[in-house]
Amino acid sequence: MTTFTRILCISVLALGVIVGPRAEAGRIGGPASEFGVIVPGDSVSFDIPFEAGAPAVVSVAWQARRNLELLVYDADGHVTRGMASPGRLEAVVNVYRSGLFRVEVRNFGSVAAAVTIATN
């Protein structure tokens, strides 16, 4: 994924925080999704704000067979690994304190992965 694409993805997610309506729980600013390509051996990460009081759900979807990993880190260093099903990874995190969560998607495969990353 190019630097431009990463900056674009982060900008789109951040824009939702600034102008979006405040959700009861989940991502501050409401649900969001972004499409991008992760080159082999690379990873992308986003800092996404979540509201306390309900689980944060982060999912990654793709086509074809890919070797991806989804990790979500909270401010205290806790890590949640995404659970796999065919063509999808999903991580559910108990948000006990509002704040930024680092979402990282890694491509361990030898082929670029076109992915859609979504939050509640």
N, C-alpha and C. Protein backbone atom coordinates (compact mmCIF):
# COMPACT_ATOMS: atom_id res chain seq x y z
N MET A 1 0.85 -1.16 0.00
CA MET A 1 0.00 0.00 0.00
C MET A 1 0.90 1.23 0.00
N THR A 2 0.62 2.16 -0.87
CA THR A 2 1.45 3.35 -0.98
C THR A 2 1.19 4.30 0.18
N THR A 3 2.11 5.20 0.39
CA THR A 3 1.96 6.19 1.44
C THR A 3 0.72 7.04 1.19
N PHE A 4 0.50 7.39 -0.08
CA PHE A 4 -0.69 8.17 -0.43
C PHE A 4 -1.97 7.46 -0.02
N THR A 5 -2.05 6.17 -0.31
CA THR A 5 -3.25 5.40 0.01
C THR A 5 -3.44 5.33 1.52
N ARG A 6 -2.37 5.13 2.26
CA ARG A 6 -2.47 5.10 3.73
C ARG A 6 -2.99 6.42 4.27
N ILE A 7 -2.43 7.53 3.77
CA ILE A 7 -2.85 8.85 4.23
C ILE A 7 -4.31 9.07 3.88
N LEU A 8 -4.72 8.67 2.68
CA LEU A 8 -6.11 8.81 2.26
C LEU A 8 -7.04 8.03 3.19
N CYS A 9 -6.67 6.78 3.51
CA CYS A 9 -7.49 5.95 4.40
C CYS A 9 -7.64 6.59 5.77
N ILE A 10 -6.53 7.07 6.33
CA ILE A 10 -6.56 7.69 7.65
C ILE A 10 -7.39 8.97 7.61
N SER A 11 -7.26 9.74 6.53
CA SER A 11 -8.01 10.99 6.40
C SER A 11 -9.51 10.73 6.34
N VAL A 12 -9.92 9.72 5.59
CA VAL A 12 -11.34 9.41 5.47
C VAL A 12 -11.90 8.98 6.83
N LEU A 13 -11.18 8.12 7.55
CA LEU A 13 -11.66 7.70 8.87
C LEU A 13 -11.69 8.86 9.85
N ALA A 14 -10.67 9.74 9.80
CA ALA A 14 -10.62 10.88 10.70
C ALA A 14 -11.72 11.88 10.39
N LEU A 15 -12.04 12.05 9.11
CA LEU A 15 -13.10 12.97 8.71
C LEU A 15 -14.43 12.57 9.34
N GLY A 16 -14.69 11.28 9.43
CA GLY A 16 -15.92 10.81 10.06
C GLY A 16 -16.01 11.22 11.51
N VAL A 17 -14.87 11.31 12.19
CA VAL A 17 -14.84 11.73 13.58
C VAL A 17 -15.22 13.20 13.70
N ILE A 18 -14.74 14.02 12.76
CA ILE A 18 -14.95 15.46 12.84
C ILE A 18 -16.38 15.84 12.47
N VAL A 19 -16.92 15.26 11.38
CA VAL A 19 -18.21 15.70 10.89
C VAL A 19 -19.35 14.72 11.12
N GLY A 20 -19.05 13.50 11.51
CA GLY A 20 -20.10 12.49 11.66
C GLY A 20 -20.90 12.66 12.93
N PRO A 21 -22.10 12.09 12.96
CA PRO A 21 -22.91 12.13 14.18
C PRO A 21 -22.30 11.24 15.25
N ARG A 22 -22.53 11.57 16.48
CA ARG A 22 -21.98 10.78 17.59
C ARG A 22 -22.83 9.53 17.79
N ALA A 23 -22.19 8.39 17.78
CA ALA A 23 -22.90 7.12 17.95
C ALA A 23 -23.10 6.84 19.43
N GLU A 24 -24.09 6.03 19.76
CA GLU A 24 -24.30 5.62 21.15
C GLU A 24 -23.13 4.79 21.65
N ALA A 25 -22.60 3.95 20.81
CA ALA A 25 -21.41 3.16 21.13
C ALA A 25 -20.81 2.69 19.83
N GLY A 26 -19.59 2.22 19.89
CA GLY A 26 -18.88 1.85 18.68
C GLY A 26 -17.92 2.96 18.31
N ARG A 27 -17.63 3.08 17.03
CA ARG A 27 -16.69 4.11 16.58
C ARG A 27 -17.29 5.49 16.82
N ILE A 28 -16.50 6.37 17.42
CA ILE A 28 -16.95 7.74 17.61
C ILE A 28 -17.06 8.38 16.23
N GLY A 29 -18.23 8.87 15.90
CA GLY A 29 -18.50 9.38 14.57
C GLY A 29 -19.34 8.43 13.75
N GLY A 30 -19.60 7.25 14.29
CA GLY A 30 -20.44 6.27 13.60
C GLY A 30 -19.64 5.27 12.81
N PRO A 31 -20.32 4.29 12.23
CA PRO A 31 -19.65 3.24 11.46
C PRO A 31 -18.87 3.83 10.28
N ALA A 32 -17.80 3.13 9.91
CA ALA A 32 -16.99 3.56 8.77
C ALA A 32 -16.39 2.34 8.10
N SER A 33 -16.05 2.50 6.83
CA SER A 33 -15.34 1.44 6.11
C SER A 33 -14.40 2.07 5.11
N GLU A 34 -13.39 1.32 4.75
CA GLU A 34 -12.39 1.80 3.80
C GLU A 34 -11.86 0.62 3.00
N PHE A 35 -11.60 0.87 1.72
CA PHE A 35 -11.06 -0.15 0.83
C PHE A 35 -9.62 0.20 0.51
N GLY A 36 -8.74 -0.80 0.44
CA GLY A 36 -7.36 -0.58 0.06
C GLY A 36 -6.67 -1.88 -0.31
N VAL A 37 -5.43 -1.76 -0.74
CA VAL A 37 -4.63 -2.92 -1.12
C VAL A 37 -3.41 -2.97 -0.22
N ILE A 38 -3.16 -4.16 0.34
CA ILE A 38 -1.98 -4.37 1.19
C ILE A 38 -1.03 -5.27 0.41
N VAL A 39 0.16 -4.75 0.13
CA VAL A 39 1.14 -5.53 -0.64
C VAL A 39 1.71 -6.65 0.22
N PRO A 40 2.28 -7.69 -0.41
CA PRO A 40 2.84 -8.81 0.36
C PRO A 40 3.90 -8.35 1.36
N GLY A 41 3.84 -8.90 2.56
CA GLY A 41 4.82 -8.59 3.60
C GLY A 41 4.63 -7.24 4.27
N ASP A 42 3.60 -6.52 3.92
CA ASP A 42 3.37 -5.18 4.49
C ASP A 42 2.20 -5.22 5.46
N SER A 43 2.02 -4.12 6.17
CA SER A 43 0.87 -3.99 7.07
C SER A 43 0.37 -2.55 7.00
N VAL A 44 -0.87 -2.36 7.35
CA VAL A 44 -1.45 -1.02 7.48
C VAL A 44 -2.02 -0.91 8.87
N SER A 45 -2.03 0.30 9.40
CA SER A 45 -2.61 0.50 10.73
C SER A 45 -3.36 1.82 10.75
N PHE A 46 -4.37 1.86 11.60
CA PHE A 46 -5.21 3.02 11.78
C PHE A 46 -5.41 3.24 13.27
N ASP A 47 -5.50 4.49 13.69
CA ASP A 47 -5.91 4.81 15.05
C ASP A 47 -7.37 5.23 14.98
N ILE A 48 -8.25 4.43 15.56
CA ILE A 48 -9.68 4.65 15.45
C ILE A 48 -10.26 4.90 16.84
N PRO A 49 -11.04 5.98 17.00
CA PRO A 49 -11.64 6.26 18.31
C PRO A 49 -12.91 5.45 18.53
N PHE A 50 -13.01 4.81 19.70
CA PHE A 50 -14.21 4.06 20.06
C PHE A 50 -14.77 4.59 21.36
N GLU A 51 -16.09 4.54 21.49
CA GLU A 51 -16.83 5.00 22.66
C GLU A 51 -16.99 3.85 23.65
N ALA A 52 -16.85 4.16 24.92
CA ALA A 52 -17.05 3.15 25.96
C ALA A 52 -18.52 2.76 26.05
N GLY A 53 -18.77 1.54 26.54
CA GLY A 53 -20.13 1.12 26.82
C GLY A 53 -20.65 -0.01 25.97
N ALA A 54 -19.99 -0.29 24.87
CA ALA A 54 -20.41 -1.40 24.02
C ALA A 54 -19.18 -1.91 23.28
N PRO A 55 -19.22 -3.13 22.80
CA PRO A 55 -18.06 -3.67 22.09
C PRO A 55 -17.75 -2.90 20.81
N ALA A 56 -16.47 -2.80 20.52
CA ALA A 56 -16.00 -2.29 19.24
C ALA A 56 -15.84 -3.49 18.32
N VAL A 57 -16.39 -3.40 17.13
CA VAL A 57 -16.28 -4.49 16.17
C VAL A 57 -15.50 -3.98 14.96
N VAL A 58 -14.41 -4.67 14.63
CA VAL A 58 -13.59 -4.33 13.47
C VAL A 58 -13.56 -5.57 12.59
N SER A 59 -13.87 -5.40 11.31
CA SER A 59 -13.83 -6.55 10.41
C SER A 59 -13.02 -6.21 9.16
N VAL A 60 -12.42 -7.26 8.61
CA VAL A 60 -11.65 -7.16 7.37
C VAL A 60 -12.20 -8.23 6.44
N ALA A 61 -12.56 -7.82 5.23
CA ALA A 61 -13.08 -8.76 4.24
C ALA A 61 -12.23 -8.68 2.98
N TRP A 62 -12.09 -9.81 2.29
CA TRP A 62 -11.29 -9.88 1.06
C TRP A 62 -11.81 -10.99 0.18
N GLN A 63 -11.36 -10.98 -1.07
CA GLN A 63 -11.72 -12.02 -2.02
C GLN A 63 -10.53 -12.96 -2.17
N ALA A 64 -10.80 -14.20 -2.49
CA ALA A 64 -9.77 -15.22 -2.75
C ALA A 64 -9.03 -15.60 -1.48
N ARG A 65 -8.06 -16.43 -1.63
CA ARG A 65 -7.30 -16.96 -0.50
C ARG A 65 -6.13 -16.04 -0.18
N ARG A 66 -6.10 -15.52 1.02
CA ARG A 66 -5.02 -14.62 1.46
C ARG A 66 -4.61 -14.98 2.87
N ASN A 67 -3.38 -14.63 3.24
CA ASN A 67 -2.85 -14.90 4.57
C ASN A 67 -2.76 -13.57 5.32
N LEU A 68 -3.86 -13.18 5.97
CA LEU A 68 -3.94 -11.90 6.66
C LEU A 68 -4.10 -12.10 8.16
N GLU A 69 -3.73 -11.06 8.90
CA GLU A 69 -3.89 -11.06 10.35
C GLU A 69 -4.46 -9.71 10.76
N LEU A 70 -5.43 -9.72 11.68
CA LEU A 70 -6.04 -8.52 12.22
C LEU A 70 -5.72 -8.44 13.70
N LEU A 71 -5.18 -7.30 14.13
CA LEU A 71 -4.87 -7.06 15.54
C LEU A 71 -5.46 -5.72 15.94
N VAL A 72 -6.05 -5.66 17.14
CA VAL A 72 -6.58 -4.42 17.69
C VAL A 72 -5.94 -4.22 19.06
N TYR A 73 -5.32 -3.05 19.25
CA TYR A 73 -4.63 -2.72 20.50
C TYR A 73 -5.38 -1.60 21.20
N ASP A 74 -5.59 -1.73 22.53
CA ASP A 74 -6.17 -0.62 23.27
C ASP A 74 -5.06 0.20 23.92
N ALA A 75 -5.43 1.28 24.60
CA ALA A 75 -4.45 2.20 25.19
C ALA A 75 -3.65 1.56 26.31
N ASP A 76 -4.16 0.47 26.90
CA ASP A 76 -3.45 -0.21 27.99
C ASP A 76 -2.54 -1.32 27.49
N GLY A 77 -2.46 -1.50 26.17
CA GLY A 77 -1.58 -2.52 25.61
C GLY A 77 -2.22 -3.88 25.40
N HIS A 78 -3.51 -4.01 25.71
CA HIS A 78 -4.21 -5.28 25.46
C HIS A 78 -4.35 -5.48 23.96
N VAL A 79 -4.20 -6.71 23.51
CA VAL A 79 -4.28 -7.04 22.08
C VAL A 79 -5.41 -8.04 21.86
N THR A 80 -6.22 -7.76 20.85
CA THR A 80 -7.27 -8.69 20.43
C THR A 80 -6.96 -9.11 19.00
N ARG A 81 -6.91 -10.40 18.78
CA ARG A 81 -6.64 -10.94 17.44
C ARG A 81 -7.96 -11.27 16.77
N GLY A 82 -8.05 -10.94 15.49
CA GLY A 82 -9.27 -11.22 14.73
C GLY A 82 -9.49 -12.71 14.55
N MET A 83 -10.74 -13.13 14.68
CA MET A 83 -11.13 -14.52 14.46
C MET A 83 -11.43 -14.70 12.98
N ALA A 84 -11.00 -15.82 12.42
CA ALA A 84 -11.12 -16.04 10.98
C ALA A 84 -12.33 -16.86 10.61
N SER A 85 -12.92 -16.48 9.49
CA SER A 85 -13.89 -17.29 8.77
C SER A 85 -13.53 -17.07 7.30
N PRO A 86 -14.03 -17.88 6.38
CA PRO A 86 -13.61 -17.74 4.98
C PRO A 86 -13.81 -16.32 4.43
N GLY A 87 -12.71 -15.70 4.03
CA GLY A 87 -12.77 -14.37 3.44
C GLY A 87 -13.03 -13.24 4.41
N ARG A 88 -12.87 -13.50 5.71
CA ARG A 88 -13.21 -12.47 6.70
C ARG A 88 -12.45 -12.70 8.00
N LEU A 89 -12.04 -11.60 8.61
CA LEU A 89 -11.51 -11.58 9.97
C LEU A 89 -12.36 -10.59 10.77
N GLU A 90 -12.62 -10.92 12.02
CA GLU A 90 -13.40 -10.00 12.85
C GLU A 90 -12.86 -10.02 14.27
N ALA A 91 -12.66 -8.82 14.82
CA ALA A 91 -12.22 -8.67 16.21
C ALA A 91 -13.30 -7.91 16.96
N VAL A 92 -13.65 -8.41 18.13
CA VAL A 92 -14.62 -7.75 19.01
C VAL A 92 -13.89 -7.40 20.30
N VAL A 93 -13.90 -6.11 20.64
CA VAL A 93 -13.14 -5.61 21.79
C VAL A 93 -14.09 -4.96 22.78
N ASN A 94 -13.96 -5.31 24.05
CA ASN A 94 -14.73 -4.67 25.11
C ASN A 94 -14.12 -3.29 25.37
N VAL A 95 -14.88 -2.25 25.10
CA VAL A 95 -14.39 -0.88 25.28
C VAL A 95 -14.85 -0.38 26.64
N TYR A 96 -13.95 -0.44 27.63
CA TYR A 96 -14.29 -0.02 28.99
C TYR A 96 -13.91 1.43 29.24
N ARG A 97 -13.13 2.03 28.31
CA ARG A 97 -12.75 3.44 28.41
C ARG A 97 -12.65 3.99 26.99
N SER A 98 -13.32 5.09 26.72
CA SER A 98 -13.27 5.70 25.39
C SER A 98 -11.85 6.10 25.05
N GLY A 99 -11.52 6.01 23.78
CA GLY A 99 -10.19 6.43 23.34
C GLY A 99 -9.83 5.83 22.00
N LEU A 100 -8.56 6.02 21.64
CA LEU A 100 -8.05 5.52 20.37
C LEU A 100 -7.61 4.07 20.50
N PHE A 101 -7.95 3.30 19.50
CA PHE A 101 -7.53 1.91 19.40
C PHE A 101 -6.74 1.76 18.11
N ARG A 102 -5.59 1.11 18.18
CA ARG A 102 -4.77 0.88 17.00
C ARG A 102 -5.26 -0.40 16.33
N VAL A 103 -5.65 -0.29 15.07
CA VAL A 103 -6.08 -1.44 14.27
C VAL A 103 -4.99 -1.70 13.24
N GLU A 104 -4.49 -2.93 13.22
CA GLU A 104 -3.42 -3.29 12.29
C GLU A 104 -3.83 -4.52 11.49
N VAL A 105 -3.61 -4.45 10.18
CA VAL A 105 -3.87 -5.58 9.29
C VAL A 105 -2.56 -5.91 8.61
N ARG A 106 -2.12 -7.16 8.74
CA ARG A 106 -0.86 -7.63 8.17
C ARG A 106 -1.12 -8.62 7.04
N ASN A 107 -0.35 -8.49 5.97
CA ASN A 107 -0.43 -9.43 4.85
C ASN A 107 0.83 -10.29 4.87
N PHE A 108 0.71 -11.53 5.33
CA PHE A 108 1.83 -12.45 5.38
C PHE A 108 1.99 -13.24 4.09
N GLY A 109 1.07 -13.05 3.16
CA GLY A 109 1.08 -13.82 1.91
C GLY A 109 2.09 -13.30 0.91
N SER A 110 2.10 -13.95 -0.24
CA SER A 110 3.01 -13.56 -1.32
C SER A 110 2.27 -12.83 -2.44
N VAL A 111 0.99 -12.52 -2.21
CA VAL A 111 0.14 -11.84 -3.19
C VAL A 111 -0.52 -10.64 -2.52
N ALA A 112 -0.65 -9.54 -3.26
CA ALA A 112 -1.33 -8.37 -2.73
C ALA A 112 -2.77 -8.72 -2.36
N ALA A 113 -3.27 -8.10 -1.31
CA ALA A 113 -4.63 -8.38 -0.82
C ALA A 113 -5.46 -7.11 -0.90
N ALA A 114 -6.53 -7.14 -1.69
CA ALA A 114 -7.51 -6.05 -1.72
C ALA A 114 -8.49 -6.29 -0.57
N VAL A 115 -8.55 -5.36 0.37
CA VAL A 115 -9.35 -5.57 1.58
C VAL A 115 -10.30 -4.40 1.82
N THR A 116 -11.37 -4.72 2.54
CA THR A 116 -12.27 -3.70 3.06
C THR A 116 -12.24 -3.81 4.58
N ILE A 117 -11.91 -2.72 5.23
CA ILE A 117 -11.84 -2.66 6.69
C ILE A 117 -13.06 -1.86 7.15
N ALA A 118 -13.84 -2.42 8.09
CA ALA A 118 -15.05 -1.77 8.55
C ALA A 118 -15.14 -1.78 10.07
N THR A 119 -15.79 -0.75 10.62
CA THR A 119 -16.03 -0.67 12.07
C THR A 119 -17.50 -0.40 12.32
N ASN A 120 -17.93 -0.74 13.56
CA ASN A 120 -19.31 -0.42 13.94
C ASN A 120 -19.41 1.00 14.41
